[in-house]
Amino acid sequence: MKLSSESANFLEVVSSCMELVKRLKLSAGPTVFVGASNWHVTSSLIIDRLSEVYAEYKDLIQPVQVAIYEMKLGIFLAVSTTVEREYLKKVDGENSQRILRCRFVRAI
């Protein structure tokens, strides 16, 4: 029964992740970034809890943990893309194209 309630909690985490991505597509306000930060903390707590409480069921919990790690990566990439998009909106078109063409030269 306890694993069933943990599964329900995981479903809530997935739903909140999907909602967060939808909000990121609409706006890049500070509340969205706070939500992303909170989601990362919550997901890390779930991963830790699964490791501690269900350590003897690694074959069951590891795929769930990997899925959570992948969602964390996805949220990070979505936030990074949103920040980049907002920054490029602030920079005028000519400068943004110059920034995108810029190449980093390694000093010898």
PDB file of N, CA and C in Angstrom:
ATOM      1  N   MET A   1       0.813  -1.197   0.000  1.00  0.00           N
ATOM      2  CA  MET A   1       0.000   0.000   0.000  1.00  0.00           C
ATOM      3  C   MET A   1       0.859   1.265   0.000  1.00  0.00           C
ATOM      4  N   LYS A   2       1.974   1.205   0.725  1.00  0.00           N
ATOM      5  CA  LYS A   2       2.823   2.381   0.825  1.00  0.00           C
ATOM      6  C   LYS A   2       3.449   2.722  -0.530  1.00  0.00           C
ATOM      7  N   LEU A   3       3.871   1.706  -1.277  1.00  0.00           N
ATOM      8  CA  LEU A   3       4.454   1.936  -2.593  1.00  0.00           C
ATOM      9  C   LEU A   3       3.424   2.538  -3.540  1.00  0.00           C
ATOM     10  N   SER A   4       2.179   2.157  -3.353  1.00  0.00           N
ATOM     11  CA  SER A   4       1.092   2.714  -4.171  1.00  0.00           C
ATOM     12  C   SER A   4       0.938   4.213  -3.919  1.00  0.00           C
ATOM     13  N   SER A   5       1.038   4.637  -2.674  1.00  0.00           N
ATOM     14  CA  SER A   5       0.926   6.072  -2.369  1.00  0.00           C
ATOM     15  C   SER A   5       2.148   6.826  -2.892  1.00  0.00           C
ATOM     16  N   GLU A   6       3.320   6.181  -2.860  1.00  0.00           N
ATOM     17  CA  GLU A   6       4.516   6.802  -3.428  1.00  0.00           C
ATOM     18  C   GLU A   6       4.362   6.967  -4.931  1.00  0.00           C
ATOM     19  N   SER A   7       3.723   5.995  -5.580  1.00  0.00           N
ATOM     20  CA  SER A   7       3.479   6.096  -7.018  1.00  0.00           C
ATOM     21  C   SER A   7       2.535   7.256  -7.328  1.00  0.00           C
ATOM     22  N   ALA A   8       1.545   7.436  -6.488  1.00  0.00           N
ATOM     23  CA  ALA A   8       0.625   8.561  -6.665  1.00  0.00           C
ATOM     24  C   ALA A   8       1.366   9.883  -6.494  1.00  0.00           C
ATOM     25  N   ASN A   9       2.286   9.941  -5.543  1.00  0.00           N
ATOM     26  CA  ASN A   9       3.095  11.153  -5.354  1.00  0.00           C
ATOM     27  C   ASN A   9       3.965  11.411  -6.576  1.00  0.00           C
ATOM     28  N   PHE A  10       4.516  10.343  -7.143  1.00  0.00           N
ATOM     29  CA  PHE A  10       5.332  10.486  -8.340  1.00  0.00           C
ATOM     30  C   PHE A  10       4.502  11.043  -9.495  1.00  0.00           C
ATOM     31  N   LEU A  11       3.273  10.586  -9.622  1.00  0.00           N
ATOM     32  CA  LEU A  11       2.389  11.095 -10.670  1.00  0.00           C
ATOM     33  C   LEU A  11       2.136  12.592 -10.485  1.00  0.00           C
ATOM     34  N   GLU A  12       2.003  13.034  -9.245  1.00  0.00           N
ATOM     35  CA  GLU A  12       1.836  14.463  -8.972  1.00  0.00           C
ATOM     36  C   GLU A  12       3.088  15.235  -9.385  1.00  0.00           C
ATOM     37  N   VAL A  13       4.251  14.660  -9.136  1.00  0.00           N
ATOM     38  CA  VAL A  13       5.509  15.313  -9.525  1.00  0.00           C
ATOM     39  C   VAL A  13       5.587  15.451 -11.042  1.00  0.00           C
ATOM     40  N   VAL A  14       5.198  14.401 -11.756  1.00  0.00           N
ATOM     41  CA  VAL A  14       5.204  14.451 -13.216  1.00  0.00           C
ATOM     42  C   VAL A  14       4.231  15.517 -13.713  1.00  0.00           C
ATOM     43  N   SER A  15       3.055  15.572 -13.119  1.00  0.00           N
ATOM     44  CA  SER A  15       2.064  16.583 -13.512  1.00  0.00           C
ATOM     45  C   SER A  15       2.569  17.991 -13.254  1.00  0.00           C
ATOM     46  N   SER A  16       3.212  18.194 -12.119  1.00  0.00           N
ATOM     47  CA  SER A  16       3.734  19.529 -11.812  1.00  0.00           C
ATOM     48  C   SER A  16       4.865  19.895 -12.757  1.00  0.00           C
ATOM     49  N   CYS A  17       5.654  18.913 -13.171  1.00  0.00           N
ATOM     50  CA  CYS A  17       6.728  19.156 -14.136  1.00  0.00           C
ATOM     51  C   CYS A  17       6.139  19.613 -15.466  1.00  0.00           C
ATOM     52  N   MET A  18       5.110  18.926 -15.918  1.00  0.00           N
ATOM     53  CA  MET A  18       4.478  19.279 -17.189  1.00  0.00           C
ATOM     54  C   MET A  18       3.850  20.673 -17.117  1.00  0.00           C
ATOM     55  N   GLU A  19       3.245  20.999 -16.002  1.00  0.00           N
ATOM     56  CA  GLU A  19       2.651  22.326 -15.823  1.00  0.00           C
ATOM     57  C   GLU A  19       3.731  23.401 -15.824  1.00  0.00           C
ATOM     58  N   LEU A  20       4.850  23.118 -15.203  1.00  0.00           N
ATOM     59  CA  LEU A  20       5.958  24.066 -15.162  1.00  0.00           C
ATOM     60  C   LEU A  20       6.494  24.346 -16.563  1.00  0.00           C
ATOM     61  N   VAL A  21       6.627  23.318 -17.369  1.00  0.00           N
ATOM     62  CA  VAL A  21       7.107  23.507 -18.746  1.00  0.00           C
ATOM     63  C   VAL A  21       6.114  24.354 -19.540  1.00  0.00           C
ATOM     64  N   LYS A  22       4.827  24.131 -19.342  1.00  0.00           N
ATOM     65  CA  LYS A  22       3.814  24.944 -20.023  1.00  0.00           C
ATOM     66  C   LYS A  22       3.939  26.414 -19.617  1.00  0.00           C
ATOM     67  N   ARG A  23       4.148  26.658 -18.313  1.00  0.00           N
ATOM     68  CA  ARG A  23       4.298  28.042 -17.852  1.00  0.00           C
ATOM     69  C   ARG A  23       5.566  28.680 -18.393  1.00  0.00           C
ATOM     70  N   LEU A  24       6.634  27.893 -18.549  1.00  0.00           N
ATOM     71  CA  LEU A  24       7.876  28.422 -19.109  1.00  0.00           C
ATOM     72  C   LEU A  24       7.683  28.873 -20.547  1.00  0.00           C
ATOM     73  N   LYS A  25       6.850  28.155 -21.297  1.00  0.00           N
ATOM     74  CA  LYS A  25       6.596  28.535 -22.687  1.00  0.00           C
ATOM     75  C   LYS A  25       5.832  29.844 -22.774  1.00  0.00           C
ATOM     76  N   LEU A  26       5.007  30.130 -21.774  1.00  0.00           N
ATOM     77  CA  LEU A  26       4.179  31.336 -21.810  1.00  0.00           C
ATOM     78  C   LEU A  26       4.910  32.575 -21.314  1.00  0.00           C
ATOM     79  N   SER A  27       5.647  32.441 -20.239  1.00  0.00           N
ATOM     80  CA  SER A  27       6.324  33.613 -19.684  1.00  0.00           C
ATOM     81  C   SER A  27       7.576  33.190 -18.938  1.00  0.00           C
ATOM     82  N   ALA A  28       8.427  34.175 -18.711  1.00  0.00           N
ATOM     83  CA  ALA A  28       9.686  33.901 -18.006  1.00  0.00           C
ATOM     84  C   ALA A  28       9.768  34.739 -16.745  1.00  0.00           C
ATOM     85  N   GLY A  29       8.658  34.858 -16.050  1.00  0.00           N
ATOM     86  CA  GLY A  29       8.645  35.656 -14.833  1.00  0.00           C
ATOM     87  C   GLY A  29       9.386  34.979 -13.700  1.00  0.00           C
ATOM     88  N   PRO A  30       9.674  35.741 -12.666  1.00  0.00           N
ATOM     89  CA  PRO A  30      10.422  35.185 -11.531  1.00  0.00           C
ATOM     90  C   PRO A  30       9.692  34.041 -10.832  1.00  0.00           C
ATOM     91  N   THR A  31       8.364  34.055 -10.844  1.00  0.00           N
ATOM     92  CA  THR A  31       7.632  32.972 -10.175  1.00  0.00           C
ATOM     93  C   THR A  31       7.859  31.637 -10.869  1.00  0.00           C
ATOM     94  N   VAL A  32       8.057  31.672 -12.187  1.00  0.00           N
ATOM     95  CA  VAL A  32       8.320  30.442 -12.922  1.00  0.00           C
ATOM     96  C   VAL A  32       9.684  29.885 -12.531  1.00  0.00           C
ATOM     97  N   PHE A  33      10.665  30.766 -12.375  1.00  0.00           N
ATOM     98  CA  PHE A  33      12.002  30.315 -11.992  1.00  0.00           C
ATOM     99  C   PHE A  33      12.016  29.795 -10.561  1.00  0.00           C
ATOM    100  N   VAL A  34      11.251  30.414  -9.692  1.00  0.00           N
ATOM    101  CA  VAL A  34      11.137  29.916  -8.317  1.00  0.00           C
ATOM    102  C   VAL A  34      10.463  28.551  -8.331  1.00  0.00           C
ATOM    103  N   GLY A  35       9.445  28.400  -9.173  1.00  0.00           N
ATOM    104  CA  GLY A  35       8.771  27.109  -9.304  1.00  0.00           C
ATOM    105  C   GLY A  35       9.719  26.030  -9.785  1.00  0.00           C
ATOM    106  N   ALA A  36      10.591  26.369 -10.736  1.00  0.00           N
ATOM    107  CA  ALA A  36      11.572  25.402 -11.237  1.00  0.00           C
ATOM    108  C   ALA A  36      12.550  25.010 -10.131  1.00  0.00           C
ATOM    109  N   SER A  37      12.983  25.982  -9.360  1.00  0.00           N
ATOM    110  CA  SER A  37      13.898  25.699  -8.256  1.00  0.00           C
ATOM    111  C   SER A  37      13.225  24.801  -7.218  1.00  0.00           C
ATOM    112  N   ASN A  38      11.987  25.115  -6.882  1.00  0.00           N
ATOM    113  CA  ASN A  38      11.250  24.291  -5.920  1.00  0.00           C
ATOM    114  C   ASN A  38      11.039  22.873  -6.447  1.00  0.00           C
ATOM    115  N   TRP A  39      10.800  22.760  -7.746  1.00  0.00           N
ATOM    116  CA  TRP A  39      10.592  21.447  -8.340  1.00  0.00           C
ATOM    117  C   TRP A  39      11.869  20.615  -8.235  1.00  0.00           C
ATOM    118  N   HIS A  40      13.009  21.236  -8.443  1.00  0.00           N
ATOM    119  CA  HIS A  40      14.282  20.512  -8.326  1.00  0.00           C
ATOM    120  C   HIS A  40      14.497  20.010  -6.903  1.00  0.00           C
ATOM    121  N   VAL A  41      14.175  20.839  -5.928  1.00  0.00           N
ATOM    122  CA  VAL A  41      14.338  20.425  -4.528  1.00  0.00           C
ATOM    123  C   VAL A  41      13.402  19.262  -4.211  1.00  0.00           C
ATOM    124  N   THR A  42      12.145  19.399  -4.608  1.00  0.00           N
ATOM    125  CA  THR A  42      11.163  18.354  -4.339  1.00  0.00           C
ATOM    126  C   THR A  42      11.546  17.042  -5.003  1.00  0.00           C
ATOM    127  N   SER A  43      11.982  17.107  -6.238  1.00  0.00           N
ATOM    128  CA  SER A  43      12.341  15.880  -6.952  1.00  0.00           C
ATOM    129  C   SER A  43      13.571  15.219  -6.315  1.00  0.00           C
ATOM    130  N   SER A  44      14.514  16.012  -5.842  1.00  0.00           N
ATOM    131  CA  SER A  44      15.682  15.440  -5.153  1.00  0.00           C
ATOM    132  C   SER A  44      15.265  14.743  -3.864  1.00  0.00           C
ATOM    133  N   LEU A  45      14.314  15.321  -3.152  1.00  0.00           N
ATOM    134  CA  LEU A  45      13.816  14.688  -1.928  1.00  0.00           C
ATOM    135  C   LEU A  45      13.125  13.365  -2.228  1.00  0.00           C
ATOM    136  N   ILE A  46      12.397  13.314  -3.320  1.00  0.00           N
ATOM    137  CA  ILE A  46      11.725  12.069  -3.701  1.00  0.00           C
ATOM    138  C   ILE A  46      12.755  11.003  -4.047  1.00  0.00           C
ATOM    139  N   ILE A  47      13.776  11.378  -4.786  1.00  0.00           N
ATOM    140  CA  ILE A  47      14.831  10.418  -5.137  1.00  0.00           C
ATOM    141  C   ILE A  47      15.496   9.874  -3.871  1.00  0.00           C
ATOM    142  N   ASP A  48      15.821  10.770  -2.947  1.00  0.00           N
ATOM    143  CA  ASP A  48      16.452  10.340  -1.688  1.00  0.00           C
ATOM    144  C   ASP A  48      15.529   9.432  -0.889  1.00  0.00           C
ATOM    145  N   ARG A  49      14.263   9.796  -0.832  1.00  0.00           N
ATOM    146  CA  ARG A  49      13.297   8.999  -0.066  1.00  0.00           C
ATOM    147  C   ARG A  49      13.154   7.602  -0.662  1.00  0.00           C
ATOM    148  N   LEU A  50      13.073   7.518  -1.969  1.00  0.00           N
ATOM    149  CA  LEU A  50      12.976   6.206  -2.605  1.00  0.00           C
ATOM    150  C   LEU A  50      14.202   5.355  -2.280  1.00  0.00           C
ATOM    151  N   SER A  51      15.381   5.977  -2.277  1.00  0.00           N
ATOM    152  CA  SER A  51      16.617   5.238  -1.977  1.00  0.00           C
ATOM    153  C   SER A  51      16.646   4.735  -0.545  1.00  0.00           C
ATOM    154  N   GLU A  52      16.124   5.524   0.361  1.00  0.00           N
ATOM    155  CA  GLU A  52      16.160   5.151   1.772  1.00  0.00           C
ATOM    156  C   GLU A  52      15.074   4.146   2.135  1.00  0.00           C
ATOM    157  N   VAL A  53      13.852   4.425   1.721  1.00  0.00           N
ATOM    158  CA  VAL A  53      12.728   3.595   2.154  1.00  0.00           C
ATOM    159  C   VAL A  53      12.652   2.284   1.385  1.00  0.00           C
ATOM    160  N   TYR A  54      12.969   2.320   0.105  1.00  0.00           N
ATOM    161  CA  TYR A  54      12.818   1.129  -0.740  1.00  0.00           C
ATOM    162  C   TYR A  54      14.163   0.629  -1.268  1.00  0.00           C
ATOM    163  N   ALA A  55      15.170   0.678  -0.438  1.00  0.00           N
ATOM    164  CA  ALA A  55      16.519   0.265  -0.852  1.00  0.00           C
ATOM    165  C   ALA A  55      16.560  -1.185  -1.330  1.00  0.00           C
ATOM    166  N   GLU A  56      15.723  -2.030  -0.756  1.00  0.00           N
ATOM    167  CA  GLU A  56      15.738  -3.442  -1.144  1.00  0.00           C
ATOM    168  C   GLU A  56      15.001  -3.703  -2.468  1.00  0.00           C
ATOM    169  N   TYR A  57      14.370  -2.696  -3.018  1.00  0.00           N
ATOM    170  CA  TYR A  57      13.640  -2.836  -4.288  1.00  0.00           C
ATOM    171  C   TYR A  57      14.301  -2.003  -5.391  1.00  0.00           C
ATOM    172  N   LYS A  58      15.600  -2.092  -5.496  1.00  0.00           N
ATOM    173  CA  LYS A  58      16.331  -1.274  -6.469  1.00  0.00           C
ATOM    174  C   LYS A  58      15.857  -1.502  -7.895  1.00  0.00           C
ATOM    175  N   ASP A  59      15.489  -2.722  -8.224  1.00  0.00           N
ATOM    176  CA  ASP A  59      15.043  -3.003  -9.582  1.00  0.00           C
ATOM    177  C   ASP A  59      13.750  -2.264  -9.923  1.00  0.00           C
ATOM    178  N   LEU A  60      12.981  -1.888  -8.915  1.00  0.00           N
ATOM    179  CA  LEU A  60      11.750  -1.129  -9.142  1.00  0.00           C
ATOM    180  C   LEU A  60      11.957   0.377  -9.085  1.00  0.00           C
ATOM    181  N   ILE A  61      12.788   0.814  -8.147  1.00  0.00           N
ATOM    182  CA  ILE A  61      12.894   2.263  -7.949  1.00  0.00           C
ATOM    183  C   ILE A  61      13.909   2.938  -8.867  1.00  0.00           C
ATOM    184  N   GLN A  62      14.916   2.204  -9.334  1.00  0.00           N
ATOM    185  CA  GLN A  62      15.919   2.854 -10.178  1.00  0.00           C
ATOM    186  C   GLN A  62      15.350   3.418 -11.474  1.00  0.00           C
ATOM    187  N   PRO A  63      14.457   2.730 -12.176  1.00  0.00           N
ATOM    188  CA  PRO A  63      13.876   3.360 -13.372  1.00  0.00           C
ATOM    189  C   PRO A  63      13.094   4.634 -13.049  1.00  0.00           C
ATOM    190  N   VAL A  64      12.437   4.645 -11.903  1.00  0.00           N
ATOM    191  CA  VAL A  64      11.704   5.843 -11.491  1.00  0.00           C
ATOM    192  C   VAL A  64      12.685   6.967 -11.186  1.00  0.00           C
ATOM    193  N   GLN A  65      13.764   6.637 -10.504  1.00  0.00           N
ATOM    194  CA  GLN A  65      14.770   7.646 -10.192  1.00  0.00           C
ATOM    195  C   GLN A  65      15.406   8.206 -11.463  1.00  0.00           C
ATOM    196  N   VAL A  66      15.695   7.342 -12.416  1.00  0.00           N
ATOM    197  CA  VAL A  66      16.265   7.805 -13.686  1.00  0.00           C
ATOM    198  C   VAL A  66      15.281   8.728 -14.392  1.00  0.00           C
ATOM    199  N   ALA A  67      14.010   8.389 -14.355  1.00  0.00           N
ATOM    200  CA  ALA A  67      12.994   9.245 -14.976  1.00  0.00           C
ATOM    201  C   ALA A  67      12.966  10.626 -14.315  1.00  0.00           C
ATOM    202  N   ILE A  68      13.085  10.649 -13.009  1.00  0.00           N
ATOM    203  CA  ILE A  68      13.094  11.935 -12.303  1.00  0.00           C
ATOM    204  C   ILE A  68      14.339  12.735 -12.667  1.00  0.00           C
ATOM    205  N   TYR A  69      15.493  12.066 -12.739  1.00  0.00           N
ATOM    206  CA  TYR A  69      16.714  12.764 -13.155  1.00  0.00           C
ATOM    207  C   TYR A  69      16.569  13.343 -14.559  1.00  0.00           C
ATOM    208  N   GLU A  70      15.947  12.594 -15.456  1.00  0.00           N
ATOM    209  CA  GLU A  70      15.740  13.083 -16.822  1.00  0.00           C
ATOM    210  C   GLU A  70      14.803  14.288 -16.838  1.00  0.00           C
ATOM    211  N   MET A  71      13.783  14.266 -15.997  1.00  0.00           N
ATOM    212  CA  MET A  71      12.883  15.420 -15.913  1.00  0.00           C
ATOM    213  C   MET A  71      13.619  16.628 -15.353  1.00  0.00           C
ATOM    214  N   LYS A  72      14.495  16.396 -14.375  1.00  0.00           N
ATOM    215  CA  LYS A  72      15.285  17.499 -13.828  1.00  0.00           C
ATOM    216  C   LYS A  72      16.147  18.131 -14.920  1.00  0.00           C
ATOM    217  N   LEU A  73      16.766  17.290 -15.745  1.00  0.00           N
ATOM    218  CA  LEU A  73      17.565  17.797 -16.851  1.00  0.00           C
ATOM    219  C   LEU A  73      16.694  18.578 -17.834  1.00  0.00           C
ATOM    220  N   GLY A  74      15.532  18.044 -18.138  1.00  0.00           N
ATOM    221  CA  GLY A  74      14.623  18.723 -19.051  1.00  0.00           C
ATOM    222  C   GLY A  74      14.183  20.081 -18.534  1.00  0.00           C
ATOM    223  N   ILE A  75      13.871  20.162 -17.250  1.00  0.00           N
ATOM    224  CA  ILE A  75      13.488  21.448 -16.656  1.00  0.00           C
ATOM    225  C   ILE A  75      14.650  22.422 -16.740  1.00  0.00           C
ATOM    226  N   PHE A  76      15.866  21.943 -16.440  1.00  0.00           N
ATOM    227  CA  PHE A  76      17.038  22.808 -16.513  1.00  0.00           C
ATOM    228  C   PHE A  76      17.218  23.353 -17.926  1.00  0.00           C
ATOM    229  N   LEU A  77      17.079  22.484 -18.935  1.00  0.00           N
ATOM    230  CA  LEU A  77      17.231  22.926 -20.320  1.00  0.00           C
ATOM    231  C   LEU A  77      16.125  23.897 -20.724  1.00  0.00           C
ATOM    232  N   ALA A  78      14.905  23.648 -20.265  1.00  0.00           N
ATOM    233  CA  ALA A  78      13.798  24.549 -20.582  1.00  0.00           C
ATOM    234  C   ALA A  78      14.012  25.927 -19.951  1.00  0.00           C
ATOM    235  N   VAL A  79      14.478  25.952 -18.711  1.00  0.00           N
ATOM    236  CA  VAL A  79      14.749  27.230 -18.046  1.00  0.00           C
ATOM    237  C   VAL A  79      15.886  27.956 -18.754  1.00  0.00           C
ATOM    238  N   SER A  80      16.935  27.231 -19.109  1.00  0.00           N
ATOM    239  CA  SER A  80      18.069  27.851 -19.810  1.00  0.00           C
ATOM    240  C   SER A  80      17.636  28.444 -21.144  1.00  0.00           C
ATOM    241  N   THR A  81      16.820  27.709 -21.878  1.00  0.00           N
ATOM    242  CA  THR A  81      16.335  28.202 -23.165  1.00  0.00           C
ATOM    243  C   THR A  81      15.467  29.439 -22.978  1.00  0.00           C
ATOM    244  N   THR A  82      14.648  29.438 -21.953  1.00  0.00           N
ATOM    245  CA  THR A  82      13.786  30.586 -21.679  1.00  0.00           C
ATOM    246  C   THR A  82      14.615  31.813 -21.320  1.00  0.00           C
ATOM    247  N   VAL A  83      15.634  31.624 -20.495  1.00  0.00           N
ATOM    248  CA  VAL A  83      16.507  32.742 -20.127  1.00  0.00           C
ATOM    249  C   VAL A  83      17.216  33.278 -21.365  1.00  0.00           C
ATOM    250  N   GLU A  84      17.715  32.385 -22.207  1.00  0.00           N
ATOM    251  CA  GLU A  84      18.385  32.813 -23.432  1.00  0.00           C
ATOM    252  C   GLU A  84      17.432  33.590 -24.334  1.00  0.00           C
ATOM    253  N   ARG A  85      16.228  33.081 -24.501  1.00  0.00           N
ATOM    254  CA  ARG A  85      15.237  33.741 -25.345  1.00  0.00           C
ATOM    255  C   ARG A  85      14.900  35.138 -24.828  1.00  0.00           C
ATOM    256  N   GLU A  86      14.716  35.258 -23.527  1.00  0.00           N
ATOM    257  CA  GLU A  86      14.405  36.561 -22.936  1.00  0.00           C
ATOM    258  C   GLU A  86      15.576  37.527 -23.090  1.00  0.00           C
ATOM    259  N   TYR A  87      16.796  37.020 -22.943  1.00  0.00           N
ATOM    260  CA  TYR A  87      17.960  37.878 -23.109  1.00  0.00           C
ATOM    261  C   TYR A  87      18.067  38.374 -24.539  1.00  0.00           C
ATOM    262  N   LEU A  88      17.878  37.466 -25.494  1.00  0.00           N
ATOM    263  CA  LEU A  88      17.985  37.865 -26.899  1.00  0.00           C
ATOM    264  C   LEU A  88      16.871  38.826 -27.309  1.00  0.00           C
ATOM    265  N   LYS A  89      15.739  38.773 -26.629  1.00  0.00           N
ATOM    266  CA  LYS A  89      14.671  39.746 -26.900  1.00  0.00           C
ATOM    267  C   LYS A  89      15.103  41.148 -26.475  1.00  0.00           C
ATOM    268  N   LYS A  90      15.880  41.216 -25.405  1.00  0.00           N
ATOM    269  CA  LYS A  90      16.327  42.514 -24.902  1.00  0.00           C
ATOM    270  C   LYS A  90      17.414  43.120 -25.780  1.00  0.00           C
ATOM    271  N   VAL A  91      18.179  42.267 -26.423  1.00  0.00           N
ATOM    272  CA  VAL A  91      19.244  42.726 -27.307  1.00  0.00           C
ATOM    273  C   VAL A  91      18.630  42.941 -28.683  1.00  0.00           C
ATOM    274  N   ASP A  92      18.968  44.029 -29.322  1.00  0.00           N
ATOM    275  CA  ASP A  92      18.368  44.271 -30.635  1.00  0.00           C
ATOM    276  C   ASP A  92      18.815  43.224 -31.642  1.00  0.00           C
ATOM    277  N   GLY A  93      18.119  43.128 -32.764  1.00  0.00           N
ATOM    278  CA  GLY A  93      18.341  42.085 -33.755  1.00  0.00           C
ATOM    279  C   GLY A  93      19.753  42.016 -34.272  1.00  0.00           C
ATOM    280  N   GLU A  94      20.367  43.156 -34.573  1.00  0.00           N
ATOM    281  CA  GLU A  94      21.724  43.160 -35.125  1.00  0.00           C
ATOM    282  C   GLU A  94      22.719  42.590 -34.128  1.00  0.00           C
ATOM    283  N   ASN A  95      22.621  43.040 -32.881  1.00  0.00           N
ATOM    284  CA  ASN A  95      23.546  42.549 -31.856  1.00  0.00           C
ATOM    285  C   ASN A  95      23.317  41.077 -31.544  1.00  0.00           C
ATOM    286  N   SER A  96      22.064  40.647 -31.571  1.00  0.00           N
ATOM    287  CA  SER A  96      21.805  39.242 -31.262  1.00  0.00           C
ATOM    288  C   SER A  96      22.406  38.330 -32.326  1.00  0.00           C
ATOM    289  N   GLN A  97      22.349  38.740 -33.587  1.00  0.00           N
ATOM    290  CA  GLN A  97      22.963  37.928 -34.639  1.00  0.00           C
ATOM    291  C   GLN A  97      24.480  37.889 -34.486  1.00  0.00           C
ATOM    292  N   ARG A  98      25.062  39.008 -34.086  1.00  0.00           N
ATOM    293  CA  ARG A  98      26.507  39.042 -33.870  1.00  0.00           C
ATOM    294  C   ARG A  98      26.888  38.140 -32.698  1.00  0.00           C
ATOM    295  N   ILE A  99      26.068  38.137 -31.656  1.00  0.00           N
ATOM    296  CA  ILE A  99      26.334  37.284 -30.496  1.00  0.00           C
ATOM    297  C   ILE A  99      26.246  35.817 -30.894  1.00  0.00           C
ATOM    298  N   LEU A 100      25.230  35.465 -31.688  1.00  0.00           N
ATOM    299  CA  LEU A 100      25.058  34.077 -32.091  1.00  0.00           C
ATOM    300  C   LEU A 100      26.168  33.601 -33.019  1.00  0.00           C
ATOM    301  N   ARG A 101      26.783  34.519 -33.796  1.00  0.00           N
ATOM    302  CA  ARG A 101      27.869  34.142 -34.695  1.00  0.00           C
ATOM    303  C   ARG A 101      29.223  34.108 -33.992  1.00  0.00           C
ATOM    304  N   CYS A 102      29.283  34.641 -32.801  1.00  0.00           N
ATOM    305  CA  CYS A 102      30.545  34.758 -32.077  1.00  0.00           C
ATOM    306  C   CYS A 102      31.157  33.383 -31.835  1.00  0.00           C
ATOM    307  N   ARG A 103      32.454  33.301 -32.023  1.00  0.00           N
ATOM    308  CA  ARG A 103      33.196  32.071 -31.760  1.00  0.00           C
ATOM    309  C   ARG A 103      34.250  32.359 -30.709  1.00  0.00           C
ATOM    310  N   PHE A 104      34.446  31.402 -29.845  1.00  0.00           N
ATOM    311  CA  PHE A 104      35.431  31.566 -28.803  1.00  0.00           C
ATOM    312  C   PHE A 104      36.778  31.053 -29.309  1.00  0.00           C
ATOM    313  N   VAL A 105      37.793  31.892 -29.159  1.00  0.00           N
ATOM    314  CA  VAL A 105      39.134  31.542 -29.604  1.00  0.00           C
ATOM    315  C   VAL A 105      39.960  31.204 -28.364  1.00  0.00           C
ATOM    316  N   ARG A 106      40.607  30.049 -28.418  1.00  0.00           N
ATOM    317  CA  ARG A 106      41.425  29.623 -27.303  1.00  0.00           C
ATOM    318  C   ARG A 106      42.794  30.274 -27.408  1.00  0.00           C
ATOM    319  N   ALA A 107      43.214  30.887 -26.320  1.00  0.00           N
ATOM    320  CA  ALA A 107      44.548  31.513 -26.300  1.00  0.00           C
ATOM    321  C   ALA A 107      45.617  30.445 -26.251  1.00  0.00           C
ATOM    322  N   ILE A 108      46.634  30.626 -27.032  1.00  0.00           N
ATOM    323  CA  ILE A 108      47.719  29.636 -27.080  1.00  0.00           C
ATOM    324  C   ILE A 108      48.864  30.063 -26.193  1.00  0.00           C
TER     325      ILE A 108
END
